[in-house]
Amino acid sequence: MSDPVNHPDHYKNGEIECIDALRSALGPDGFQSYCIGNILKYVWRHRHKNGVQDLKKAQVYMNWLVESLEGLIL
């Protein structure tokens, strides 16, 4: 089943999700900055594009940011 918020089908190539490749390529600091940028983007546009779905996407990036800062992920 497709999950457009947590695991969009269009962000997966084989067994690798784009977010995992980005996390690895950017390192912790770069990944955290990437998350902050996406949080801002999704909150900024939510009223004009996808509403609550964009806010949920912002939450996903916020969770990844917190996990990264706490050392739970790269």
PDB file of N, CA and C in Angstrom:
ATOM      1  N   MET A   1       0.844  -1.177   0.000  1.00  0.00           N
ATOM      2  CA  MET A   1       0.000   0.000   0.000  1.00  0.00           C
ATOM      3  C   MET A   1       0.892   1.244   0.000  1.00  0.00           C
ATOM      4  N   SER A   2       0.562   2.208  -0.833  1.00  0.00           N
ATOM      5  CA  SER A   2       1.330   3.439  -0.923  1.00  0.00           C
ATOM      6  C   SER A   2       1.085   4.331   0.295  1.00  0.00           C
ATOM      7  N   ASP A   3       2.144   4.959   0.781  1.00  0.00           N
ATOM      8  CA  ASP A   3       2.060   5.889   1.911  1.00  0.00           C
ATOM      9  C   ASP A   3       2.694   7.203   1.459  1.00  0.00           C
ATOM     10  N   PRO A   4       1.879   8.169   1.001  1.00  0.00           N
ATOM     11  CA  PRO A   4       2.423   9.402   0.429  1.00  0.00           C
ATOM     12  C   PRO A   4       3.131  10.304   1.435  1.00  0.00           C
ATOM     13  N   VAL A   5       2.997  10.036   2.717  1.00  0.00           N
ATOM     14  CA  VAL A   5       3.660  10.864   3.731  1.00  0.00           C
ATOM     15  C   VAL A   5       4.979  10.236   4.178  1.00  0.00           C
ATOM     16  N   ASN A   6       4.962   8.994   4.603  1.00  0.00           N
ATOM     17  CA  ASN A   6       6.142   8.363   5.184  1.00  0.00           C
ATOM     18  C   ASN A   6       7.024   7.615   4.190  1.00  0.00           C
ATOM     19  N   HIS A   7       6.435   6.998   3.188  1.00  0.00           N
ATOM     20  CA  HIS A   7       7.194   6.204   2.219  1.00  0.00           C
ATOM     21  C   HIS A   7       6.580   6.318   0.827  1.00  0.00           C
ATOM     22  N   PRO A   8       6.676   7.498   0.200  1.00  0.00           N
ATOM     23  CA  PRO A   8       6.107   7.648  -1.141  1.00  0.00           C
ATOM     24  C   PRO A   8       6.789   6.702  -2.134  1.00  0.00           C
ATOM     25  N   ASP A   9       5.995   6.054  -2.956  1.00  0.00           N
ATOM     26  CA  ASP A   9       6.532   5.092  -3.914  1.00  0.00           C
ATOM     27  C   ASP A   9       7.564   5.720  -4.854  1.00  0.00           C
ATOM     28  N   HIS A  10       7.364   6.976  -5.211  1.00  0.00           N
ATOM     29  CA  HIS A  10       8.248   7.618  -6.184  1.00  0.00           C
ATOM     30  C   HIS A  10       9.609   7.999  -5.592  1.00  0.00           C
ATOM     31  N   TYR A  11       9.851   7.731  -4.309  1.00  0.00           N
ATOM     32  CA  TYR A  11      11.143   8.005  -3.686  1.00  0.00           C
ATOM     33  C   TYR A  11      11.908   6.730  -3.384  1.00  0.00           C
ATOM     34  N   LYS A  12      11.556   5.652  -4.051  1.00  0.00           N
ATOM     35  CA  LYS A  12      12.245   4.387  -3.816  1.00  0.00           C
ATOM     36  C   LYS A  12      12.755   3.833  -5.138  1.00  0.00           C
ATOM     37  N   ASN A  13      13.993   3.373  -5.118  1.00  0.00           N
ATOM     38  CA  ASN A  13      14.598   2.747  -6.288  1.00  0.00           C
ATOM     39  C   ASN A  13      15.136   1.404  -5.831  1.00  0.00           C
ATOM     40  N   GLY A  14      14.465   0.345  -6.194  1.00  0.00           N
ATOM     41  CA  GLY A  14      14.836  -0.971  -5.691  1.00  0.00           C
ATOM     42  C   GLY A  14      14.553  -1.038  -4.207  1.00  0.00           C
ATOM     43  N   GLU A  15      15.552  -1.374  -3.437  1.00  0.00           N
ATOM     44  CA  GLU A  15      15.403  -1.485  -1.985  1.00  0.00           C
ATOM     45  C   GLU A  15      15.839  -0.216  -1.248  1.00  0.00           C
ATOM     46  N   ILE A  16      16.328   0.777  -1.982  1.00  0.00           N
ATOM     47  CA  ILE A  16      16.879   1.976  -1.349  1.00  0.00           C
ATOM     48  C   ILE A  16      15.910   3.141  -1.477  1.00  0.00           C
ATOM     49  N   GLU A  17      15.587   3.760  -0.341  1.00  0.00           N
ATOM     50  CA  GLU A  17      14.777   4.973  -0.359  1.00  0.00           C
ATOM     51  C   GLU A  17      15.699   6.164  -0.500  1.00  0.00           C
ATOM     52  N   CYS A  18      15.246   7.149  -1.216  1.00  0.00           N
ATOM     53  CA  CYS A  18      16.020   8.359  -1.460  1.00  0.00           C
ATOM     54  C   CYS A  18      16.513   8.980  -0.149  1.00  0.00           C
ATOM     55  N   ILE A  19      15.678   9.001   0.888  1.00  0.00           N
ATOM     56  CA  ILE A  19      16.056   9.637   2.152  1.00  0.00           C
ATOM     57  C   ILE A  19      17.269   8.946   2.768  1.00  0.00           C
ATOM     58  N   ASP A  20      17.369   7.639   2.617  1.00  0.00           N
ATOM     59  CA  ASP A  20      18.515   6.905   3.159  1.00  0.00           C
ATOM     60  C   ASP A  20      19.790   7.245   2.390  1.00  0.00           C
ATOM     61  N   ALA A  21      19.685   7.388   1.076  1.00  0.00           N
ATOM     62  CA  ALA A  21      20.839   7.775   0.268  1.00  0.00           C
ATOM     63  C   ALA A  21      21.275   9.199   0.624  1.00  0.00           C
ATOM     64  N   LEU A  22      20.318  10.109   0.805  1.00  0.00           N
ATOM     65  CA  LEU A  22      20.637  11.484   1.188  1.00  0.00           C
ATOM     66  C   LEU A  22      21.301  11.535   2.555  1.00  0.00           C
ATOM     67  N   ARG A  23      20.761  10.793   3.499  1.00  0.00           N
ATOM     68  CA  ARG A  23      21.318  10.755   4.853  1.00  0.00           C
ATOM     69  C   ARG A  23      22.784  10.318   4.815  1.00  0.00           C
ATOM     70  N   SER A  24      23.052   9.306   4.023  1.00  0.00           N
ATOM     71  CA  SER A  24      24.409   8.796   3.912  1.00  0.00           C
ATOM     72  C   SER A  24      25.323   9.786   3.200  1.00  0.00           C
ATOM     73  N   ALA A  25      24.861  10.374   2.124  1.00  0.00           N
ATOM     74  CA  ALA A  25      25.686  11.285   1.331  1.00  0.00           C
ATOM     75  C   ALA A  25      25.969  12.603   2.049  1.00  0.00           C
ATOM     76  N   LEU A  26      25.007  13.113   2.808  1.00  0.00           N
ATOM     77  CA  LEU A  26      25.119  14.433   3.421  1.00  0.00           C
ATOM     78  C   LEU A  26      25.823  14.431   4.775  1.00  0.00           C
ATOM     79  N   GLY A  27      25.833  13.293   5.457  1.00  0.00           N
ATOM     80  CA  GLY A  27      26.384  13.250   6.811  1.00  0.00           C
ATOM     81  C   GLY A  27      25.428  13.926   7.782  1.00  0.00           C
ATOM     82  N   PRO A  28      25.713  13.844   9.078  1.00  0.00           N
ATOM     83  CA  PRO A  28      24.781  14.358  10.089  1.00  0.00           C
ATOM     84  C   PRO A  28      24.430  15.837   9.948  1.00  0.00           C
ATOM     85  N   ASP A  29      25.424  16.701   9.803  1.00  0.00           N
ATOM     86  CA  ASP A  29      25.134  18.140   9.728  1.00  0.00           C
ATOM     87  C   ASP A  29      24.344  18.493   8.474  1.00  0.00           C
ATOM     88  N   GLY A  30      24.765  17.945   7.355  1.00  0.00           N
ATOM     89  CA  GLY A  30      24.059  18.211   6.103  1.00  0.00           C
ATOM     90  C   GLY A  30      22.636  17.673   6.131  1.00  0.00           C
ATOM     91  N   PHE A  31      22.476  16.478   6.708  1.00  0.00           N
ATOM     92  CA  PHE A  31      21.141  15.889   6.786  1.00  0.00           C
ATOM     93  C   PHE A  31      20.227  16.717   7.679  1.00  0.00           C
ATOM     94  N   GLN A  32      20.755  17.215   8.782  1.00  0.00           N
ATOM     95  CA  GLN A  32      19.949  18.043   9.682  1.00  0.00           C
ATOM     96  C   GLN A  32      19.525  19.334   8.980  1.00  0.00           C
ATOM     97  N   SER A  33      20.422  19.943   8.234  1.00  0.00           N
ATOM     98  CA  SER A  33      20.069  21.149   7.478  1.00  0.00           C
ATOM     99  C   SER A  33      19.026  20.838   6.418  1.00  0.00           C
ATOM    100  N   TYR A  34      19.157  19.701   5.762  1.00  0.00           N
ATOM    101  CA  TYR A  34      18.186  19.260   4.762  1.00  0.00           C
ATOM    102  C   TYR A  34      16.802  19.115   5.403  1.00  0.00           C
ATOM    103  N   CYS A  35      16.751  18.521   6.574  1.00  0.00           N
ATOM    104  CA  CYS A  35      15.479  18.356   7.287  1.00  0.00           C
ATOM    105  C   CYS A  35      14.854  19.713   7.616  1.00  0.00           C
ATOM    106  N   ILE A  36      15.658  20.637   8.124  1.00  0.00           N
ATOM    107  CA  ILE A  36      15.147  21.961   8.476  1.00  0.00           C
ATOM    108  C   ILE A  36      14.571  22.649   7.244  1.00  0.00           C
ATOM    109  N   GLY A  37      15.264  22.557   6.125  1.00  0.00           N
ATOM    110  CA  GLY A  37      14.770  23.157   4.889  1.00  0.00           C
ATOM    111  C   GLY A  37      13.435  22.576   4.467  1.00  0.00           C
ATOM    112  N   ASN A  38      13.293  21.260   4.578  1.00  0.00           N
ATOM    113  CA  ASN A  38      12.032  20.627   4.189  1.00  0.00           C
ATOM    114  C   ASN A  38      10.907  20.937   5.168  1.00  0.00           C
ATOM    115  N   ILE A  39      11.211  21.041   6.447  1.00  0.00           N
ATOM    116  CA  ILE A  39      10.199  21.432   7.432  1.00  0.00           C
ATOM    117  C   ILE A  39       9.642  22.800   7.058  1.00  0.00           C
ATOM    118  N   LEU A  40      10.541  23.742   6.790  1.00  0.00           N
ATOM    119  CA  LEU A  40      10.113  25.092   6.417  1.00  0.00           C
ATOM    120  C   LEU A  40       9.285  25.074   5.135  1.00  0.00           C
ATOM    121  N   LYS A  41       9.728  24.314   4.147  1.00  0.00           N
ATOM    122  CA  LYS A  41       9.021  24.235   2.867  1.00  0.00           C
ATOM    123  C   LYS A  41       7.591  23.726   3.051  1.00  0.00           C
ATOM    124  N   TYR A  42       7.442  22.622   3.749  1.00  0.00           N
ATOM    125  CA  TYR A  42       6.112  22.024   3.886  1.00  0.00           C
ATOM    126  C   TYR A  42       5.177  22.870   4.733  1.00  0.00           C
ATOM    127  N   VAL A  43       5.681  23.500   5.783  1.00  0.00           N
ATOM    128  CA  VAL A  43       4.835  24.384   6.587  1.00  0.00           C
ATOM    129  C   VAL A  43       4.450  25.605   5.763  1.00  0.00           C
ATOM    130  N   TRP A  44       5.409  26.164   5.038  1.00  0.00           N
ATOM    131  CA  TRP A  44       5.186  27.363   4.231  1.00  0.00           C
ATOM    132  C   TRP A  44       4.055  27.162   3.214  1.00  0.00           C
ATOM    133  N   ARG A  45       4.068  26.013   2.526  1.00  0.00           N
ATOM    134  CA  ARG A  45       3.149  25.827   1.411  1.00  0.00           C
ATOM    135  C   ARG A  45       1.833  25.133   1.767  1.00  0.00           C
ATOM    136  N   HIS A  46       1.686  24.651   2.985  1.00  0.00           N
ATOM    137  CA  HIS A  46       0.555  23.770   3.298  1.00  0.00           C
ATOM    138  C   HIS A  46      -0.810  24.385   2.985  1.00  0.00           C
ATOM    139  N   ARG A  47      -0.971  25.671   3.147  1.00  0.00           N
ATOM    140  CA  ARG A  47      -2.280  26.294   2.884  1.00  0.00           C
ATOM    141  C   ARG A  47      -2.582  26.435   1.395  1.00  0.00           C
ATOM    142  N   HIS A  48      -1.558  26.326   0.581  1.00  0.00           N
ATOM    143  CA  HIS A  48      -1.734  26.565  -0.847  1.00  0.00           C
ATOM    144  C   HIS A  48      -1.564  25.316  -1.699  1.00  0.00           C
ATOM    145  N   LYS A  49      -1.172  24.206  -1.098  1.00  0.00           N
ATOM    146  CA  LYS A  49      -0.942  23.021  -1.914  1.00  0.00           C
ATOM    147  C   LYS A  49      -1.662  21.796  -1.361  1.00  0.00           C
ATOM    148  N   ASN A  50      -1.110  21.151  -0.349  1.00  0.00           N
ATOM    149  CA  ASN A  50      -1.652  19.861   0.093  1.00  0.00           C
ATOM    150  C   ASN A  50      -2.204  19.854   1.513  1.00  0.00           C
ATOM    151  N   GLY A  51      -2.378  21.004   2.119  1.00  0.00           N
ATOM    152  CA  GLY A  51      -3.020  21.094   3.427  1.00  0.00           C
ATOM    153  C   GLY A  51      -2.369  20.237   4.494  1.00  0.00           C
ATOM    154  N   VAL A  52      -3.181  19.456   5.169  1.00  0.00           N
ATOM    155  CA  VAL A  52      -2.724  18.637   6.292  1.00  0.00           C
ATOM    156  C   VAL A  52      -1.649  17.648   5.861  1.00  0.00           C
ATOM    157  N   GLN A  53      -1.726  17.139   4.645  1.00  0.00           N
ATOM    158  CA  GLN A  53      -0.699  16.196   4.185  1.00  0.00           C
ATOM    159  C   GLN A  53       0.688  16.842   4.235  1.00  0.00           C
ATOM    160  N   ASP A  54       0.797  18.105   3.850  1.00  0.00           N
ATOM    161  CA  ASP A  54       2.087  18.785   3.931  1.00  0.00           C
ATOM    162  C   ASP A  54       2.537  18.967   5.374  1.00  0.00           C
ATOM    163  N   LEU A  55       1.620  19.230   6.278  1.00  0.00           N
ATOM    164  CA  LEU A  55       1.985  19.347   7.694  1.00  0.00           C
ATOM    165  C   LEU A  55       2.466  18.005   8.238  1.00  0.00           C
ATOM    166  N   LYS A  56       1.866  16.924   7.784  1.00  0.00           N
ATOM    167  CA  LYS A  56       2.320  15.592   8.198  1.00  0.00           C
ATOM    168  C   LYS A  56       3.712  15.304   7.660  1.00  0.00           C
ATOM    169  N   LYS A  57       3.989  15.763   6.433  1.00  0.00           N
ATOM    170  CA  LYS A  57       5.333  15.596   5.883  1.00  0.00           C
ATOM    171  C   LYS A  57       6.331  16.398   6.705  1.00  0.00           C
ATOM    172  N   ALA A  58       5.953  17.604   7.108  1.00  0.00           N
ATOM    173  CA  ALA A  58       6.827  18.412   7.963  1.00  0.00           C
ATOM    174  C   ALA A  58       7.112  17.672   9.269  1.00  0.00           C
ATOM    175  N   GLN A  59       6.109  16.991   9.815  1.00  0.00           N
ATOM    176  CA  GLN A  59       6.300  16.215  11.042  1.00  0.00           C
ATOM    177  C   GLN A  59       7.318  15.100  10.841  1.00  0.00           C
ATOM    178  N   VAL A  60       7.245  14.435   9.691  1.00  0.00           N
ATOM    179  CA  VAL A  60       8.197  13.360   9.399  1.00  0.00           C
ATOM    180  C   VAL A  60       9.615  13.908   9.417  1.00  0.00           C
ATOM    181  N   TYR A  61       9.818  15.046   8.757  1.00  0.00           N
ATOM    182  CA  TYR A  61      11.151  15.647   8.744  1.00  0.00           C
ATOM    183  C   TYR A  61      11.558  16.122  10.136  1.00  0.00           C
ATOM    184  N   MET A  62      10.617  16.620  10.903  1.00  0.00           N
ATOM    185  CA  MET A  62      10.915  17.039  12.278  1.00  0.00           C
ATOM    186  C   MET A  62      11.359  15.833  13.108  1.00  0.00           C
ATOM    187  N   ASN A  63      10.674  14.709  12.955  1.00  0.00           N
ATOM    188  CA  ASN A  63      11.050  13.492  13.683  1.00  0.00           C
ATOM    189  C   ASN A  63      12.447  13.038  13.293  1.00  0.00           C
ATOM    190  N   TRP A  64      12.755  13.067  11.981  1.00  0.00           N
ATOM    191  CA  TRP A  64      14.092  12.672  11.539  1.00  0.00           C
ATOM    192  C   TRP A  64      15.147  13.628  12.091  1.00  0.00           C
ATOM    193  N   LEU A  65      14.829  14.911  12.139  1.00  0.00           N
ATOM    194  CA  LEU A  65      15.758  15.899  12.679  1.00  0.00           C
ATOM    195  C   LEU A  65      16.044  15.614  14.154  1.00  0.00           C
ATOM    196  N   VAL A  66      15.002  15.391  14.930  1.00  0.00           N
ATOM    197  CA  VAL A  66      15.167  15.104  16.360  1.00  0.00           C
ATOM    198  C   VAL A  66      15.970  13.817  16.547  1.00  0.00           C
ATOM    199  N   GLU A  67      15.636  12.777  15.791  1.00  0.00           N
ATOM    200  CA  GLU A  67      16.365  11.510  15.905  1.00  0.00           C
ATOM    201  C   GLU A  67      17.841  11.699  15.563  1.00  0.00           C
ATOM    202  N   SER A  68      18.114  12.505  14.545  1.00  0.00           N
ATOM    203  CA  SER A  68      19.493  12.760  14.172  1.00  0.00           C
ATOM    204  C   SER A  68      20.226  13.527  15.257  1.00  0.00           C
ATOM    205  N   LEU A  69      19.586  14.543  15.810  1.00  0.00           N
ATOM    206  CA  LEU A  69      20.205  15.337  16.872  1.00  0.00           C
ATOM    207  C   LEU A  69      20.443  14.514  18.138  1.00  0.00           C
ATOM    208  N   GLU A  70      19.573  13.560  18.388  1.00  0.00           N
ATOM    209  CA  GLU A  70      19.729  12.689  19.559  1.00  0.00           C
ATOM    210  C   GLU A  70      20.682  11.530  19.296  1.00  0.00           C
ATOM    211  N   GLY A  71      21.177  11.438  18.069  1.00  0.00           N
ATOM    212  CA  GLY A  71      22.103  10.368  17.739  1.00  0.00           C
ATOM    213  C   GLY A  71      21.444   9.030  17.483  1.00  0.00           C
ATOM    214  N   LEU A  72      20.136   9.031  17.297  1.00  0.00           N
ATOM    215  CA  LEU A  72      19.418   7.778  17.072  1.00  0.00           C
ATOM    216  C   LEU A  72      19.570   7.302  15.627  1.00  0.00           C
ATOM    217  N   ILE A  73      19.800   8.240  14.725  1.00  0.00           N
ATOM    218  CA  ILE A  73      20.113   7.913  13.336  1.00  0.00           C
ATOM    219  C   ILE A  73      21.330   8.737  12.970  1.00  0.00           C
ATOM    220  N   LEU A  74      21.973   8.384  11.869  1.00  0.00           N
ATOM    221  CA  LEU A  74      23.201   9.045  11.407  1.00  0.00           C
ATOM    222  C   LEU A  74      23.276  10.491  11.754  1.00  0.00           C
TER     223      LEU A  74
END
